[in-house]
Amino acid sequence: MCPCGRGPYAECCAPLHDGKPAADPEALMRSRFSAYALDNSDFVLRTWHPETRPGSVEPDPTLRWTSLEVLEHSGGGVFDAEGTVEFRAHFIDGGKPGVMAEKSRFVRHDGRWVYWGPL
């Protein structure tokens, strides 16, 4: 099962992790969550807009991402330049459960969807 919860990893986020462009911001959000869950920081950085991207993303060995809830999404259509995704990412940190909630902005950059940052 894919960490994002949508289906088998090989059919869900793996193709995006291997270089296939995301069809829309929600697909990119799901693949980024899966990348965090799988400690794939290269993918996380590659899919972050260069103007807002940090220098590095270091995995936290005490943190485990467990599930994703996509609450709402808007924009991100074929003719849109941007879109948003509101989500809750559940995790376990040092044995304690937690939730990260965010409404994220995604934009097209060089013909691909990328993460801009929180709204």
PDB file of N, CA and C in Angstrom:
ATOM      1  N   MET A   1       0.844  -1.184   0.000  1.00  0.00           N
ATOM      2  CA  MET A   1       0.000   0.000   0.000  1.00  0.00           C
ATOM      3  C   MET A   1       0.890   1.249   0.000  1.00  0.00           C
ATOM      4  N   CYS A   2       0.483   2.247  -0.739  1.00  0.00           N
ATOM      5  CA  CYS A   2       1.221   3.501  -0.807  1.00  0.00           C
ATOM      6  C   CYS A   2       1.064   4.247   0.530  1.00  0.00           C
ATOM      7  N   PRO A   3       2.126   4.895   1.004  1.00  0.00           N
ATOM      8  CA  PRO A   3       2.001   5.656   2.243  1.00  0.00           C
ATOM      9  C   PRO A   3       0.891   6.717   2.205  1.00  0.00           C
ATOM     10  N   CYS A   4       0.557   7.241   1.018  1.00  0.00           N
ATOM     11  CA  CYS A   4      -0.492   8.272   0.936  1.00  0.00           C
ATOM     12  C   CYS A   4      -1.889   7.680   1.103  1.00  0.00           C
ATOM     13  N   GLY A   5      -2.001   6.343   1.035  1.00  0.00           N
ATOM     14  CA  GLY A   5      -3.270   5.680   1.281  1.00  0.00           C
ATOM     15  C   GLY A   5      -4.186   5.508   0.095  1.00  0.00           C
ATOM     16  N   ARG A   6      -3.709   5.811  -1.101  1.00  0.00           N
ATOM     17  CA  ARG A   6      -4.586   5.777  -2.265  1.00  0.00           C
ATOM     18  C   ARG A   6      -4.596   4.464  -3.029  1.00  0.00           C
ATOM     19  N   GLY A   7      -3.613   3.631  -2.869  1.00  0.00           N
ATOM     20  CA  GLY A   7      -3.562   2.367  -3.606  1.00  0.00           C
ATOM     21  C   GLY A   7      -2.182   1.756  -3.535  1.00  0.00           C
ATOM     22  N   PRO A   8      -1.900   0.766  -4.382  1.00  0.00           N
ATOM     23  CA  PRO A   8      -0.567   0.153  -4.381  1.00  0.00           C
ATOM     24  C   PRO A   8       0.507   1.191  -4.750  1.00  0.00           C
ATOM     25  N   TYR A   9       1.597   1.185  -4.020  1.00  0.00           N
ATOM     26  CA  TYR A   9       2.672   2.158  -4.236  1.00  0.00           C
ATOM     27  C   TYR A   9       3.145   2.171  -5.691  1.00  0.00           C
ATOM     28  N   ALA A  10       3.299   0.990  -6.285  1.00  0.00           N
ATOM     29  CA  ALA A  10       3.806   0.895  -7.664  1.00  0.00           C
ATOM     30  C   ALA A  10       2.906   1.606  -8.664  1.00  0.00           C
ATOM     31  N   GLU A  11       1.608   1.723  -8.352  1.00  0.00           N
ATOM     32  CA  GLU A  11       0.659   2.371  -9.259  1.00  0.00           C
ATOM     33  C   GLU A  11       0.305   3.787  -8.817  1.00  0.00           C
ATOM     34  N   CYS A  12       0.733   4.167  -7.634  1.00  0.00           N
ATOM     35  CA  CYS A  12       0.315   5.446  -7.052  1.00  0.00           C
ATOM     36  C   CYS A  12       1.459   6.461  -7.103  1.00  0.00           C
ATOM     37  N   CYS A  13       2.278   6.495  -6.082  1.00  0.00           N
ATOM     38  CA  CYS A  13       3.325   7.520  -5.983  1.00  0.00           C
ATOM     39  C   CYS A  13       4.669   7.111  -6.586  1.00  0.00           C
ATOM     40  N   ALA A  14       4.924   5.814  -6.750  1.00  0.00           N
ATOM     41  CA  ALA A  14       6.214   5.379  -7.295  1.00  0.00           C
ATOM     42  C   ALA A  14       6.524   5.997  -8.661  1.00  0.00           C
ATOM     43  N   PRO A  15       5.565   6.045  -9.611  1.00  0.00           N
ATOM     44  CA  PRO A  15       5.887   6.655 -10.904  1.00  0.00           C
ATOM     45  C   PRO A  15       6.310   8.125 -10.777  1.00  0.00           C
ATOM     46  N   LEU A  16       5.703   8.860  -9.856  1.00  0.00           N
ATOM     47  CA  LEU A  16       6.096  10.251  -9.649  1.00  0.00           C
ATOM     48  C   LEU A  16       7.477  10.322  -9.016  1.00  0.00           C
ATOM     49  N   HIS A  17       7.752   9.439  -8.063  1.00  0.00           N
ATOM     50  CA  HIS A  17       9.087   9.400  -7.453  1.00  0.00           C
ATOM     51  C   HIS A  17      10.147   9.048  -8.485  1.00  0.00           C
ATOM     52  N   ASP A  18       9.753   8.321  -9.521  1.00  0.00           N
ATOM     53  CA  ASP A  18      10.685   7.949 -10.595  1.00  0.00           C
ATOM     54  C   ASP A  18      10.784   8.997 -11.707  1.00  0.00           C
ATOM     55  N   GLY A  19      10.045  10.114 -11.592  1.00  0.00           N
ATOM     56  CA  GLY A  19      10.192  11.196 -12.559  1.00  0.00           C
ATOM     57  C   GLY A  19       8.964  11.584 -13.343  1.00  0.00           C
ATOM     58  N   LYS A  20       7.882  10.810 -13.263  1.00  0.00           N
ATOM     59  CA  LYS A  20       6.661  11.177 -13.986  1.00  0.00           C
ATOM     60  C   LYS A  20       6.084  12.457 -13.369  1.00  0.00           C
ATOM     61  N   PRO A  21       5.691  13.437 -14.195  1.00  0.00           N
ATOM     62  CA  PRO A  21       5.110  14.665 -13.646  1.00  0.00           C
ATOM     63  C   PRO A  21       3.753  14.405 -12.990  1.00  0.00           C
ATOM     64  N   ALA A  22       3.485  15.116 -11.914  1.00  0.00           N
ATOM     65  CA  ALA A  22       2.186  15.015 -11.245  1.00  0.00           C
ATOM     66  C   ALA A  22       1.120  15.646 -12.119  1.00  0.00           C
ATOM     67  N   ALA A  23      -0.042  15.015 -12.187  1.00  0.00           N
ATOM     68  CA  ALA A  23      -1.146  15.513 -13.008  1.00  0.00           C
ATOM     69  C   ALA A  23      -1.777  16.767 -12.416  1.00  0.00           C
ATOM     70  N   ASP A  24      -1.709  16.913 -11.105  1.00  0.00           N
ATOM     71  CA  ASP A  24      -2.343  18.053 -10.438  1.00  0.00           C
ATOM     72  C   ASP A  24      -1.721  18.223  -9.047  1.00  0.00           C
ATOM     73  N   PRO A  25      -2.047  19.320  -8.360  1.00  0.00           N
ATOM     74  CA  PRO A  25      -1.461  19.554  -7.040  1.00  0.00           C
ATOM     75  C   PRO A  25      -1.761  18.456  -6.019  1.00  0.00           C
ATOM     76  N   GLU A  26      -2.957  17.877  -6.059  1.00  0.00           N
ATOM     77  CA  GLU A  26      -3.252  16.821  -5.090  1.00  0.00           C
ATOM     78  C   GLU A  26      -2.336  15.619  -5.292  1.00  0.00           C
ATOM     79  N   ALA A  27      -2.117  15.229  -6.538  1.00  0.00           N
ATOM     80  CA  ALA A  27      -1.209  14.104  -6.808  1.00  0.00           C
ATOM     81  C   ALA A  27       0.199  14.425  -6.317  1.00  0.00           C
ATOM     82  N   LEU A  28       0.634  15.669  -6.513  1.00  0.00           N
ATOM     83  CA  LEU A  28       1.958  16.052  -6.034  1.00  0.00           C
ATOM     84  C   LEU A  28       1.993  16.048  -4.513  1.00  0.00           C
ATOM     85  N   MET A  29       0.935  16.548  -3.870  1.00  0.00           N
ATOM     86  CA  MET A  29       0.884  16.539  -2.402  1.00  0.00           C
ATOM     87  C   MET A  29       0.992  15.117  -1.872  1.00  0.00           C
ATOM     88  N   ARG A  30       0.229  14.202  -2.462  1.00  0.00           N
ATOM     89  CA  ARG A  30       0.264  12.811  -2.027  1.00  0.00           C
ATOM     90  C   ARG A  30       1.659  12.209  -2.222  1.00  0.00           C
ATOM     91  N   SER A  31       2.294  12.502  -3.352  1.00  0.00           N
ATOM     92  CA  SER A  31       3.617  11.938  -3.611  1.00  0.00           C
ATOM     93  C   SER A  31       4.670  12.545  -2.686  1.00  0.00           C
ATOM     94  N   ARG A  32       4.496  13.798  -2.312  1.00  0.00           N
ATOM     95  CA  ARG A  32       5.428  14.418  -1.359  1.00  0.00           C
ATOM     96  C   ARG A  32       5.257  13.805   0.036  1.00  0.00           C
ATOM     97  N   PHE A  33       4.004  13.569   0.445  1.00  0.00           N
ATOM     98  CA  PHE A  33       3.786  12.902   1.726  1.00  0.00           C
ATOM     99  C   PHE A  33       4.474  11.537   1.713  1.00  0.00           C
ATOM    100  N   SER A  34       4.255  10.779   0.652  1.00  0.00           N
ATOM    101  CA  SER A  34       4.877   9.459   0.543  1.00  0.00           C
ATOM    102  C   SER A  34       6.394   9.557   0.572  1.00  0.00           C
ATOM    103  N   ALA A  35       6.938  10.583  -0.074  1.00  0.00           N
ATOM    104  CA  ALA A  35       8.390  10.775  -0.059  1.00  0.00           C
ATOM    105  C   ALA A  35       8.893  11.049   1.359  1.00  0.00           C
ATOM    106  N   TYR A  36       8.169  11.862   2.110  1.00  0.00           N
ATOM    107  CA  TYR A  36       8.543  12.079   3.509  1.00  0.00           C
ATOM    108  C   TYR A  36       8.475  10.766   4.280  1.00  0.00           C
ATOM    109  N   ALA A  37       7.410   9.994   4.080  1.00  0.00           N
ATOM    110  CA  ALA A  37       7.237   8.723   4.796  1.00  0.00           C
ATOM    111  C   ALA A  37       8.339   7.727   4.452  1.00  0.00           C
ATOM    112  N   LEU A  38       8.864   7.808   3.230  1.00  0.00           N
ATOM    113  CA  LEU A  38       9.902   6.879   2.767  1.00  0.00           C
ATOM    114  C   LEU A  38      11.313   7.473   2.857  1.00  0.00           C
ATOM    115  N   ASP A  39      11.442   8.639   3.490  1.00  0.00           N
ATOM    116  CA  ASP A  39      12.733   9.337   3.622  1.00  0.00           C
ATOM    117  C   ASP A  39      13.387   9.622   2.265  1.00  0.00           C
ATOM    118  N   ASN A  40      12.572  10.006   1.295  1.00  0.00           N
ATOM    119  CA  ASN A  40      13.065  10.339  -0.041  1.00  0.00           C
ATOM    120  C   ASN A  40      13.208  11.863  -0.146  1.00  0.00           C
ATOM    121  N   SER A  41      14.218  12.416   0.557  1.00  0.00           N
ATOM    122  CA  SER A  41      14.376  13.872   0.576  1.00  0.00           C
ATOM    123  C   SER A  41      14.762  14.458  -0.774  1.00  0.00           C
ATOM    124  N   ASP A  42      15.397  13.678  -1.640  1.00  0.00           N
ATOM    125  CA  ASP A  42      15.722  14.186  -2.976  1.00  0.00           C
ATOM    126  C   ASP A  42      14.442  14.562  -3.725  1.00  0.00           C
ATOM    127  N   PHE A  43      13.429  13.706  -3.655  1.00  0.00           N
ATOM    128  CA  PHE A  43      12.156  13.999  -4.321  1.00  0.00           C
ATOM    129  C   PHE A  43      11.494  15.229  -3.699  1.00  0.00           C
ATOM    130  N   VAL A  44      11.498  15.305  -2.383  1.00  0.00           N
ATOM    131  CA  VAL A  44      10.895  16.460  -1.697  1.00  0.00           C
ATOM    132  C   VAL A  44      11.546  17.743  -2.200  1.00  0.00           C
ATOM    133  N   LEU A  45      12.855  17.784  -2.268  1.00  0.00           N
ATOM    134  CA  LEU A  45      13.557  19.000  -2.728  1.00  0.00           C
ATOM    135  C   LEU A  45      13.313  19.272  -4.209  1.00  0.00           C
ATOM    136  N   ARG A  46      13.307  18.222  -5.037  1.00  0.00           N
ATOM    137  CA  ARG A  46      13.072  18.387  -6.483  1.00  0.00           C
ATOM    138  C   ARG A  46      11.702  18.981  -6.782  1.00  0.00           C
ATOM    139  N   THR A  47      10.728  18.714  -5.919  1.00  0.00           N
ATOM    140  CA  THR A  47       9.354  19.152  -6.168  1.00  0.00           C
ATOM    141  C   THR A  47       8.995  20.414  -5.371  1.00  0.00           C
ATOM    142  N   TRP A  48       9.996  21.122  -4.874  1.00  0.00           N
ATOM    143  CA  TRP A  48       9.828  22.365  -4.127  1.00  0.00           C
ATOM    144  C   TRP A  48      10.275  23.506  -5.030  1.00  0.00           C
ATOM    145  N   HIS A  49       9.502  24.563  -5.117  1.00  0.00           N
ATOM    146  CA  HIS A  49       9.865  25.698  -5.982  1.00  0.00           C
ATOM    147  C   HIS A  49      11.226  26.244  -5.566  1.00  0.00           C
ATOM    148  N   PRO A  50      12.108  26.542  -6.531  1.00  0.00           N
ATOM    149  CA  PRO A  50      13.456  26.999  -6.196  1.00  0.00           C
ATOM    150  C   PRO A  50      13.491  28.293  -5.370  1.00  0.00           C
ATOM    151  N   GLU A  51      12.467  29.134  -5.483  1.00  0.00           N
ATOM    152  CA  GLU A  51      12.464  30.386  -4.707  1.00  0.00           C
ATOM    153  C   GLU A  51      12.148  30.179  -3.231  1.00  0.00           C
ATOM    154  N   THR A  52      11.505  29.070  -2.882  1.00  0.00           N
ATOM    155  CA  THR A  52      11.118  28.838  -1.487  1.00  0.00           C
ATOM    156  C   THR A  52      11.762  27.576  -0.903  1.00  0.00           C
ATOM    157  N   ARG A  53      12.497  26.851  -1.696  1.00  0.00           N
ATOM    158  CA  ARG A  53      13.096  25.572  -1.287  1.00  0.00           C
ATOM    159  C   ARG A  53      14.226  25.793  -0.276  1.00  0.00           C
ATOM    160  N   PRO A  54      14.240  25.003   0.803  1.00  0.00           N
ATOM    161  CA  PRO A  54      15.364  25.073   1.740  1.00  0.00           C
ATOM    162  C   PRO A  54      16.596  24.403   1.139  1.00  0.00           C
ATOM    163  N   GLY A  55      17.726  24.601   1.755  1.00  0.00           N
ATOM    164  CA  GLY A  55      18.964  23.999   1.272  1.00  0.00           C
ATOM    165  C   GLY A  55      18.982  22.488   1.400  1.00  0.00           C
ATOM    166  N   SER A  56      18.303  21.975   2.426  1.00  0.00           N
ATOM    167  CA  SER A  56      18.255  20.531   2.627  1.00  0.00           C
ATOM    168  C   SER A  56      17.021  20.163   3.445  1.00  0.00           C
ATOM    169  N   VAL A  57      16.683  18.884   3.389  1.00  0.00           N
ATOM    170  CA  VAL A  57      15.609  18.318   4.199  1.00  0.00           C
ATOM    171  C   VAL A  57      16.187  17.061   4.828  1.00  0.00           C
ATOM    172  N   GLU A  58      16.336  17.083   6.127  1.00  0.00           N
ATOM    173  CA  GLU A  58      16.935  15.953   6.832  1.00  0.00           C
ATOM    174  C   GLU A  58      15.852  15.089   7.471  1.00  0.00           C
ATOM    175  N   PRO A  59      15.862  13.782   7.216  1.00  0.00           N
ATOM    176  CA  PRO A  59      14.901  12.896   7.876  1.00  0.00           C
ATOM    177  C   PRO A  59      15.116  12.895   9.390  1.00  0.00           C
ATOM    178  N   ASP A  60      14.034  12.791  10.125  1.00  0.00           N
ATOM    179  CA  ASP A  60      14.084  12.722  11.577  1.00  0.00           C
ATOM    180  C   ASP A  60      13.856  11.261  11.978  1.00  0.00           C
ATOM    181  N   PRO A  61      14.864  10.602  12.561  1.00  0.00           N
ATOM    182  CA  PRO A  61      14.720   9.174  12.875  1.00  0.00           C
ATOM    183  C   PRO A  61      13.658   8.867  13.935  1.00  0.00           C
ATOM    184  N   THR A  62      13.223   9.863  14.699  1.00  0.00           N
ATOM    185  CA  THR A  62      12.195   9.608  15.716  1.00  0.00           C
ATOM    186  C   THR A  62      10.787   9.849  15.194  1.00  0.00           C
ATOM    187  N   LEU A  63      10.676  10.358  13.955  1.00  0.00           N
ATOM    188  CA  LEU A  63       9.382  10.721  13.376  1.00  0.00           C
ATOM    189  C   LEU A  63       8.986   9.724  12.292  1.00  0.00           C
ATOM    190  N   ARG A  64       7.744   9.235  12.371  1.00  0.00           N
ATOM    191  CA  ARG A  64       7.230   8.314  11.338  1.00  0.00           C
ATOM    192  C   ARG A  64       5.879   8.841  10.860  1.00  0.00           C
ATOM    193  N   TRP A  65       5.801   9.147   9.562  1.00  0.00           N
ATOM    194  CA  TRP A  65       4.538   9.611   8.964  1.00  0.00           C
ATOM    195  C   TRP A  65       3.640   8.401   8.763  1.00  0.00           C
ATOM    196  N   THR A  66       2.398   8.471   9.242  1.00  0.00           N
ATOM    197  CA  THR A  66       1.544   7.278   9.255  1.00  0.00           C
ATOM    198  C   THR A  66       0.356   7.330   8.302  1.00  0.00           C
ATOM    199  N   SER A  67      -0.232   8.506   8.089  1.00  0.00           N
ATOM    200  CA  SER A  67      -1.371   8.579   7.160  1.00  0.00           C
ATOM    201  C   SER A  67      -1.618  10.012   6.726  1.00  0.00           C
ATOM    202  N   LEU A  68      -2.346  10.130   5.632  1.00  0.00           N
ATOM    203  CA  LEU A  68      -2.646  11.438   5.041  1.00  0.00           C
ATOM    204  C   LEU A  68      -4.137  11.555   4.800  1.00  0.00           C
ATOM    205  N   GLU A  69      -4.683  12.706   5.152  1.00  0.00           N
ATOM    206  CA  GLU A  69      -6.076  13.050   4.830  1.00  0.00           C
ATOM    207  C   GLU A  69      -6.049  14.303   3.962  1.00  0.00           C
ATOM    208  N   VAL A  70      -6.535  14.216   2.748  1.00  0.00           N
ATOM    209  CA  VAL A  70      -6.707  15.401   1.914  1.00  0.00           C
ATOM    210  C   VAL A  70      -8.116  15.909   2.177  1.00  0.00           C
ATOM    211  N   LEU A  71      -8.213  17.119   2.708  1.00  0.00           N
ATOM    212  CA  LEU A  71      -9.495  17.680   3.114  1.00  0.00           C
ATOM    213  C   LEU A  71     -10.172  18.446   1.989  1.00  0.00           C
ATOM    214  N   GLU A  72      -9.375  19.157   1.200  1.00  0.00           N
ATOM    215  CA  GLU A  72      -9.939  20.000   0.148  1.00  0.00           C
ATOM    216  C   GLU A  72      -8.834  20.349  -0.843  1.00  0.00           C
ATOM    217  N   HIS A  73      -9.222  20.542  -2.087  1.00  0.00           N
ATOM    218  CA  HIS A  73      -8.265  21.029  -3.086  1.00  0.00           C
ATOM    219  C   HIS A  73      -9.006  21.933  -4.049  1.00  0.00           C
ATOM    220  N   SER A  74      -8.274  22.895  -4.602  1.00  0.00           N
ATOM    221  CA  SER A  74      -8.875  23.798  -5.583  1.00  0.00           C
ATOM    222  C   SER A  74      -7.830  24.179  -6.619  1.00  0.00           C
ATOM    223  N   GLY A  75      -8.301  24.599  -7.786  1.00  0.00           N
ATOM    224  CA  GLY A  75      -7.391  24.930  -8.878  1.00  0.00           C
ATOM    225  C   GLY A  75      -6.661  23.683  -9.341  1.00  0.00           C
ATOM    226  N   GLY A  76      -5.575  23.905 -10.046  1.00  0.00           N
ATOM    227  CA  GLY A  76      -4.772  22.777 -10.473  1.00  0.00           C
ATOM    228  C   GLY A  76      -5.238  22.096 -11.741  1.00  0.00           C
ATOM    229  N   GLY A  77      -6.164  22.722 -12.455  1.00  0.00           N
ATOM    230  CA  GLY A  77      -6.637  22.159 -13.708  1.00  0.00           C
ATOM    231  C   GLY A  77      -5.634  22.358 -14.830  1.00  0.00           C
ATOM    232  N   VAL A  78      -5.964  21.838 -15.981  1.00  0.00           N
ATOM    233  CA  VAL A  78      -5.076  21.888 -17.149  1.00  0.00           C
ATOM    234  C   VAL A  78      -4.649  23.315 -17.487  1.00  0.00           C
ATOM    235  N   PHE A  79      -5.550  24.273 -17.338  1.00  0.00           N
ATOM    236  CA  PHE A  79      -5.234  25.650 -17.710  1.00  0.00           C
ATOM    237  C   PHE A  79      -4.882  26.533 -16.511  1.00  0.00           C
ATOM    238  N   ASP A  80      -4.790  25.955 -15.321  1.00  0.00           N
ATOM    239  CA  ASP A  80      -4.466  26.723 -14.114  1.00  0.00           C
ATOM    240  C   ASP A  80      -2.959  26.817 -13.917  1.00  0.00           C
ATOM    241  N   ALA A  81      -2.526  27.948 -13.355  1.00  0.00           N
ATOM    242  CA  ALA A  81      -1.117  28.148 -13.031  1.00  0.00           C
ATOM    243  C   ALA A  81      -0.831  27.807 -11.576  1.00  0.00           C
ATOM    244  N   GLU A  82      -1.889  27.695 -10.771  1.00  0.00           N
ATOM    245  CA  GLU A  82      -1.680  27.326  -9.380  1.00  0.00           C
ATOM    246  C   GLU A  82      -2.882  26.585  -8.826  1.00  0.00           C
ATOM    247  N   GLY A  83      -2.683  26.003  -7.664  1.00  0.00           N
ATOM    248  CA  GLY A  83      -3.748  25.279  -6.978  1.00  0.00           C
ATOM    249  C   GLY A  83      -3.403  25.160  -5.510  1.00  0.00           C
ATOM    250  N   THR A  84      -4.381  24.752  -4.723  1.00  0.00           N
ATOM    251  CA  THR A  84      -4.156  24.576  -3.297  1.00  0.00           C
ATOM    252  C   THR A  84      -4.637  23.195  -2.855  1.00  0.00           C
ATOM    253  N   VAL A  85      -4.032  22.706  -1.796  1.00  0.00           N
ATOM    254  CA  VAL A  85      -4.443  21.449  -1.179  1.00  0.00           C
ATOM    255  C   VAL A  85      -4.407  21.650   0.331  1.00  0.00           C
ATOM    256  N   GLU A  86      -5.531  21.367   0.972  1.00  0.00           N
ATOM    257  CA  GLU A  86      -5.578  21.389   2.436  1.00  0.00           C
ATOM    258  C   GLU A  86      -5.537  19.947   2.911  1.00  0.00           C
ATOM    259  N   PHE A  87      -4.669  19.674   3.890  1.00  0.00           N
ATOM    260  CA  PHE A  87      -4.474  18.296   4.327  1.00  0.00           C
ATOM    261  C   PHE A  87      -4.143  18.214   5.813  1.00  0.00           C
ATOM    262  N   ARG A  88      -4.252  16.996   6.310  1.00  0.00           N
ATOM    263  CA  ARG A  88      -3.759  16.633   7.637  1.00  0.00           C
ATOM    264  C   ARG A  88      -2.824  15.446   7.454  1.00  0.00           C
ATOM    265  N   ALA A  89      -1.605  15.583   7.932  1.00  0.00           N
ATOM    266  CA  ALA A  89      -0.627  14.498   7.884  1.00  0.00           C
ATOM    267  C   ALA A  89      -0.418  13.988   9.307  1.00  0.00           C
ATOM    268  N   HIS A  90      -0.710  12.711   9.500  1.00  0.00           N
ATOM    269  CA  HIS A  90      -0.596  12.105  10.823  1.00  0.00           C
ATOM    270  C   HIS A  90       0.781  11.473  10.974  1.00  0.00           C
ATOM    271  N   PHE A  91       1.303  11.555  12.199  1.00  0.00           N
ATOM    272  CA  PHE A  91       2.632  11.024  12.458  1.00  0.00           C
ATOM    273  C   PHE A  91       2.737  10.497  13.878  1.00  0.00           C
ATOM    274  N   ILE A  92       3.821   9.780  14.119  1.00  0.00           N
ATOM    275  CA  ILE A  92       4.213   9.342  15.460  1.00  0.00           C
ATOM    276  C   ILE A  92       5.608   9.918  15.677  1.00  0.00           C
ATOM    277  N   ASP A  93       5.797  10.657  16.733  1.00  0.00           N
ATOM    278  CA  ASP A  93       7.090  11.275  17.033  1.00  0.00           C
ATOM    279  C   ASP A  93       7.507  10.854  18.435  1.00  0.00           C
ATOM    280  N   GLY A  94       8.550  10.050  18.504  1.00  0.00           N
ATOM    281  CA  GLY A  94       9.006   9.569  19.799  1.00  0.00           C
ATOM    282  C   GLY A  94       7.944   8.772  20.534  1.00  0.00           C
ATOM    283  N   GLY A  95       7.111   8.052  19.788  1.00  0.00           N
ATOM    284  CA  GLY A  95       6.062   7.235  20.374  1.00  0.00           C
ATOM    285  C   GLY A  95       4.748   7.961  20.622  1.00  0.00           C
ATOM    286  N   LYS A  96       4.724   9.270  20.375  1.00  0.00           N
ATOM    287  CA  LYS A  96       3.500  10.050  20.603  1.00  0.00           C
ATOM    288  C   LYS A  96       2.870  10.450  19.268  1.00  0.00           C
ATOM    289  N   PRO A  97       1.555  10.242  19.125  1.00  0.00           N
ATOM    290  CA  PRO A  97       0.885  10.624  17.870  1.00  0.00           C
ATOM    291  C   PRO A  97       0.744  12.137  17.762  1.00  0.00           C
ATOM    292  N   GLY A  98       0.719  12.603  16.520  1.00  0.00           N
ATOM    293  CA  GLY A  98       0.523  14.021  16.250  1.00  0.00           C
ATOM    294  C   GLY A  98      -0.071  14.219  14.867  1.00  0.00           C
ATOM    295  N   VAL A  99      -0.453  15.456  14.601  1.00  0.00           N
ATOM    296  CA  VAL A  99      -1.042  15.814  13.310  1.00  0.00           C
ATOM    297  C   VAL A  99      -0.446  17.140  12.856  1.00  0.00           C
ATOM    298  N   MET A 100      -0.055  17.187  11.603  1.00  0.00           N
ATOM    299  CA  MET A 100       0.372  18.432  10.978  1.00  0.00           C
ATOM    300  C   MET A 100      -0.724  18.821   9.991  1.00  0.00           C
ATOM    301  N   ALA A 101      -1.275  20.015  10.133  1.00  0.00           N
ATOM    302  CA  ALA A 101      -2.327  20.490   9.220  1.00  0.00           C
ATOM    303  C   ALA A 101      -1.784  21.673   8.440  1.00  0.00           C
ATOM    304  N   GLU A 102      -2.103  21.704   7.138  1.00  0.00           N
ATOM    305  CA  GLU A 102      -1.617  22.799   6.300  1.00  0.00           C
ATOM    306  C   GLU A 102      -2.525  22.971   5.090  1.00  0.00           C
ATOM    307  N   LYS A 103      -2.641  24.200   4.640  1.00  0.00           N
ATOM    308  CA  LYS A 103      -3.213  24.484   3.327  1.00  0.00           C
ATOM    309  C   LYS A 103      -2.034  24.959   2.497  1.00  0.00           C
ATOM    310  N   SER A 104      -1.690  24.184   1.479  1.00  0.00           N
ATOM    311  CA  SER A 104      -0.478  24.411   0.693  1.00  0.00           C
ATOM    312  C   SER A 104      -0.799  25.021  -0.661  1.00  0.00           C
ATOM    313  N   ARG A 105       0.127  25.821  -1.131  1.00  0.00           N
ATOM    314  CA  ARG A 105       0.030  26.416  -2.465  1.00  0.00           C
ATOM    315  C   ARG A 105       0.992  25.690  -3.394  1.00  0.00           C
ATOM    316  N   PHE A 106       0.494  25.336  -4.566  1.00  0.00           N
ATOM    317  CA  PHE A 106       1.292  24.687  -5.609  1.00  0.00           C
ATOM    318  C   PHE A 106       1.223  25.543  -6.863  1.00  0.00           C
ATOM    319  N   VAL A 107       2.333  25.635  -7.580  1.00  0.00           N
ATOM    320  CA  VAL A 107       2.391  26.430  -8.803  1.00  0.00           C
ATOM    321  C   VAL A 107       3.088  25.614  -9.891  1.00  0.00           C
ATOM    322  N   ARG A 108       2.871  26.040 -11.126  1.00  0.00           N
ATOM    323  CA  ARG A 108       3.596  25.409 -12.238  1.00  0.00           C
ATOM    324  C   ARG A 108       4.952  26.101 -12.375  1.00  0.00           C
ATOM    325  N   HIS A 109       5.974  25.279 -12.552  1.00  0.00           N
ATOM    326  CA  HIS A 109       7.330  25.785 -12.756  1.00  0.00           C
ATOM    327  C   HIS A 109       7.980  24.887 -13.798  1.00  0.00           C
ATOM    328  N   ASP A 110       8.408  25.486 -14.893  1.00  0.00           N
ATOM    329  CA  ASP A 110       8.995  24.718 -16.002  1.00  0.00           C
ATOM    330  C   ASP A 110       8.072  23.583 -16.450  1.00  0.00           C
ATOM    331  N   GLY A 111       6.761  23.872 -16.465  1.00  0.00           N
ATOM    332  CA  GLY A 111       5.780  22.914 -16.965  1.00  0.00           C
ATOM    333  C   GLY A 111       5.372  21.831 -15.985  1.00  0.00           C
ATOM    334  N   ARG A 112       5.873  21.867 -14.747  1.00  0.00           N
ATOM    335  CA  ARG A 112       5.545  20.848 -13.744  1.00  0.00           C
ATOM    336  C   ARG A 112       4.978  21.513 -12.499  1.00  0.00           C
ATOM    337  N   TRP A 113       4.120  20.766 -11.799  1.00  0.00           N
ATOM    338  CA  TRP A 113       3.625  21.252 -10.521  1.00  0.00           C
ATOM    339  C   TRP A 113       4.737  21.137  -9.485  1.00  0.00           C
ATOM    340  N   VAL A 114       4.869  22.195  -8.675  1.00  0.00           N
ATOM    341  CA  VAL A 114       5.817  22.192  -7.563  1.00  0.00           C
ATOM    342  C   VAL A 114       5.152  22.818  -6.340  1.00  0.00           C
ATOM    343  N   TYR A 115       5.665  22.462  -5.192  1.00  0.00           N
ATOM    344  CA  TYR A 115       5.196  23.015  -3.925  1.00  0.00           C
ATOM    345  C   TYR A 115       5.783  24.399  -3.736  1.00  0.00           C
ATOM    346  N   TRP A 116       4.928  25.388  -3.449  1.00  0.00           N
ATOM    347  CA  TRP A 116       5.412  26.739  -3.159  1.00  0.00           C
ATOM    348  C   TRP A 116       5.599  26.925  -1.661  1.00  0.00           C
ATOM    349  N   GLY A 117       4.561  26.558  -0.900  1.00  0.00           N
ATOM    350  CA  GLY A 117       4.628  26.701   0.548  1.00  0.00           C
ATOM    351  C   GLY A 117       3.240  26.805   1.135  1.00  0.00           C
ATOM    352  N   PRO A 118       3.174  27.000   2.452  1.00  0.00           N
ATOM    353  CA  PRO A 118       1.856  27.114   3.094  1.00  0.00           C
ATOM    354  C   PRO A 118       1.193  28.452   2.781  1.00  0.00           C
ATOM    355  N   LEU A 119      -0.129  28.455   2.796  1.00  0.00           N
ATOM    356  CA  LEU A 119      -0.880  29.708   2.621  1.00  0.00           C
ATOM    357  C   LEU A 119      -1.046  30.378   3.968  1.00  0.00           C
TER     358      LEU A 119
END
